[in-house]
């Protein structure tokens, strides 16, 4: 069962409370999304670690309920 954009955003905000999160459904199928996550907590953190933090927030859903996620992160 695909995930809703609001569910993805909620998971990220729960793990990274100060994050500004934008989710876009890329294919209209509820399975391929783009996420833009901006957080002050990313300051000084390498891009790879920023992405790891977002993927950790999604847990086991990545590759299961959530098939593909195009990710852009930045510090605020």
C-alpha atoms as a PDB file:
ATOM      1  CA  UNK A   1       0.000   0.000   0.000  1.00  0.00           C
ATOM      2  CA  UNK A   2       1.504   3.383  -1.020  1.00  0.00           C
ATOM      3  CA  UNK A   3       2.155   6.138   1.509  1.00  0.00           C
ATOM      4  CA  UNK A   4       0.404   9.494   1.495  1.00  0.00           C
ATOM      5  CA  UNK A   5       2.507  12.654   1.217  1.00  0.00           C
ATOM      6  CA  UNK A   6       1.136  13.886   4.560  1.00  0.00           C
ATOM      7  CA  UNK A   7       2.294  10.672   6.248  1.00  0.00           C
ATOM      8  CA  UNK A   8       5.817  11.069   4.886  1.00  0.00           C
ATOM      9  CA  UNK A   9       5.967  14.690   6.045  1.00  0.00           C
ATOM     10  CA  UNK A  10       4.649  13.739   9.505  1.00  0.00           C
ATOM     11  CA  UNK A  11       7.316  11.053   9.953  1.00  0.00           C
ATOM     12  CA  UNK A  12      10.069  13.486   9.004  1.00  0.00           C
ATOM     13  CA  UNK A  13       8.698  16.246  11.283  1.00  0.00           C
ATOM     14  CA  UNK A  14       8.453  13.804  14.188  1.00  0.00           C
ATOM     15  CA  UNK A  15      12.134  12.882  13.847  1.00  0.00           C
ATOM     16  CA  UNK A  16      13.318  16.392  12.899  1.00  0.00           C
ATOM     17  CA  UNK A  17      10.880  18.733  14.697  1.00  0.00           C
ATOM     18  CA  UNK A  18      12.397  21.994  13.432  1.00  0.00           C
ATOM     19  CA  UNK A  19      12.270  20.877   9.782  1.00  0.00           C
ATOM     20  CA  UNK A  20      10.426  22.621   6.994  1.00  0.00           C
ATOM     21  CA  UNK A  21       9.160  19.764   4.821  1.00  0.00           C
ATOM     22  CA  UNK A  22       7.689  19.853   1.315  1.00  0.00           C
ATOM     23  CA  UNK A  23       6.574  16.611  -0.344  1.00  0.00           C
ATOM     24  CA  UNK A  24       5.693  16.342  -4.045  1.00  0.00           C
ATOM     25  CA  UNK A  25       4.131  13.273  -5.682  1.00  0.00           C
ATOM     26  CA  UNK A  26       6.249  12.930  -8.827  1.00  0.00           C
ATOM     27  CA  UNK A  27       4.241  10.331 -10.731  1.00  0.00           C
ATOM     28  CA  UNK A  28       0.754  10.744  -9.276  1.00  0.00           C
ATOM     29  CA  UNK A  29       0.875   7.153  -8.080  1.00  0.00           C
ATOM     30  CA  UNK A  30       1.562   7.665  -4.366  1.00  0.00           C
ATOM     31  CA  UNK A  31       4.781   5.704  -4.801  1.00  0.00           C
ATOM     32  CA  UNK A  32       7.375   8.150  -6.181  1.00  0.00           C
ATOM     33  CA  UNK A  33       7.958  11.339  -4.223  1.00  0.00           C
ATOM     34  CA  UNK A  34      10.332  14.268  -3.992  1.00  0.00           C
ATOM     35  CA  UNK A  35      11.070  15.707  -0.563  1.00  0.00           C
ATOM     36  CA  UNK A  36      12.645  19.035   0.301  1.00  0.00           C
ATOM     37  CA  UNK A  37      13.724  19.165   3.940  1.00  0.00           C
ATOM     38  CA  UNK A  38      15.275  22.291   5.449  1.00  0.00           C
ATOM     39  CA  UNK A  39      16.366  22.243   9.074  1.00  0.00           C
ATOM     40  CA  UNK A  40      18.601  24.329  11.346  1.00  0.00           C
ATOM     41  CA  UNK A  41      19.785  21.026  12.821  1.00  0.00           C
ATOM     42  CA  UNK A  42      21.509  20.281   9.488  1.00  0.00           C
ATOM     43  CA  UNK A  43      23.951  23.195   9.976  1.00  0.00           C
ATOM     44  CA  UNK A  44      27.522  21.957   9.618  1.00  0.00           C
ATOM     45  CA  UNK A  45      26.296  18.466   8.750  1.00  0.00           C
ATOM     46  CA  UNK A  46      27.535  16.907   5.489  1.00  0.00           C
ATOM     47  CA  UNK A  47      24.862  16.322   2.853  1.00  0.00           C
ATOM     48  CA  UNK A  48      25.206  12.555   3.226  1.00  0.00           C
ATOM     49  CA  UNK A  49      24.425  12.790   6.969  1.00  0.00           C
ATOM     50  CA  UNK A  50      21.440  15.068   6.280  1.00  0.00           C
ATOM     51  CA  UNK A  51      20.038  12.458   3.911  1.00  0.00           C
ATOM     52  CA  UNK A  52      20.733   9.678   6.413  1.00  0.00           C
ATOM     53  CA  UNK A  53      18.745  11.595   9.050  1.00  0.00           C
ATOM     54  CA  UNK A  54      15.735  11.827   6.731  1.00  0.00           C
ATOM     55  CA  UNK A  55      15.958   8.164   5.706  1.00  0.00           C
ATOM     56  CA  UNK A  56      16.229   7.180   9.390  1.00  0.00           C
ATOM     57  CA  UNK A  57      12.995   9.099  10.029  1.00  0.00           C
ATOM     58  CA  UNK A  58      11.266   6.965   7.392  1.00  0.00           C
ATOM     59  CA  UNK A  59      12.661   3.742   8.814  1.00  0.00           C
ATOM     60  CA  UNK A  60      11.646   0.500   7.145  1.00  0.00           C
ATOM     61  CA  UNK A  61       9.032   2.238   4.998  1.00  0.00           C
ATOM     62  CA  UNK A  62      11.764   3.188   2.507  1.00  0.00           C
ATOM     63  CA  UNK A  63      11.852   0.495  -0.166  1.00  0.00           C
ATOM     64  CA  UNK A  64       8.555  -0.918   1.103  1.00  0.00           C
ATOM     65  CA  UNK A  65       5.527   1.362   1.363  1.00  0.00           C
ATOM     66  CA  UNK A  66       7.650   4.148  -0.083  1.00  0.00           C
ATOM     67  CA  UNK A  67       9.259   2.982  -3.297  1.00  0.00           C
ATOM     68  CA  UNK A  68      11.277   6.039  -4.381  1.00  0.00           C
ATOM     69  CA  UNK A  69      12.210   9.348  -2.775  1.00  0.00           C
ATOM     70  CA  UNK A  70      14.103  12.118  -4.518  1.00  0.00           C
ATOM     71  CA  UNK A  71      15.668  14.032  -1.640  1.00  0.00           C
ATOM     72  CA  UNK A  72      16.953  17.591  -1.306  1.00  0.00           C
ATOM     73  CA  UNK A  73      18.124  18.824   2.076  1.00  0.00           C
ATOM     74  CA  UNK A  74      19.615  22.058   3.383  1.00  0.00           C
ATOM     75  CA  UNK A  75      20.280  23.855   6.625  1.00  0.00           C
ATOM     76  CA  UNK A  76      18.079  26.820   7.468  1.00  0.00           C
END
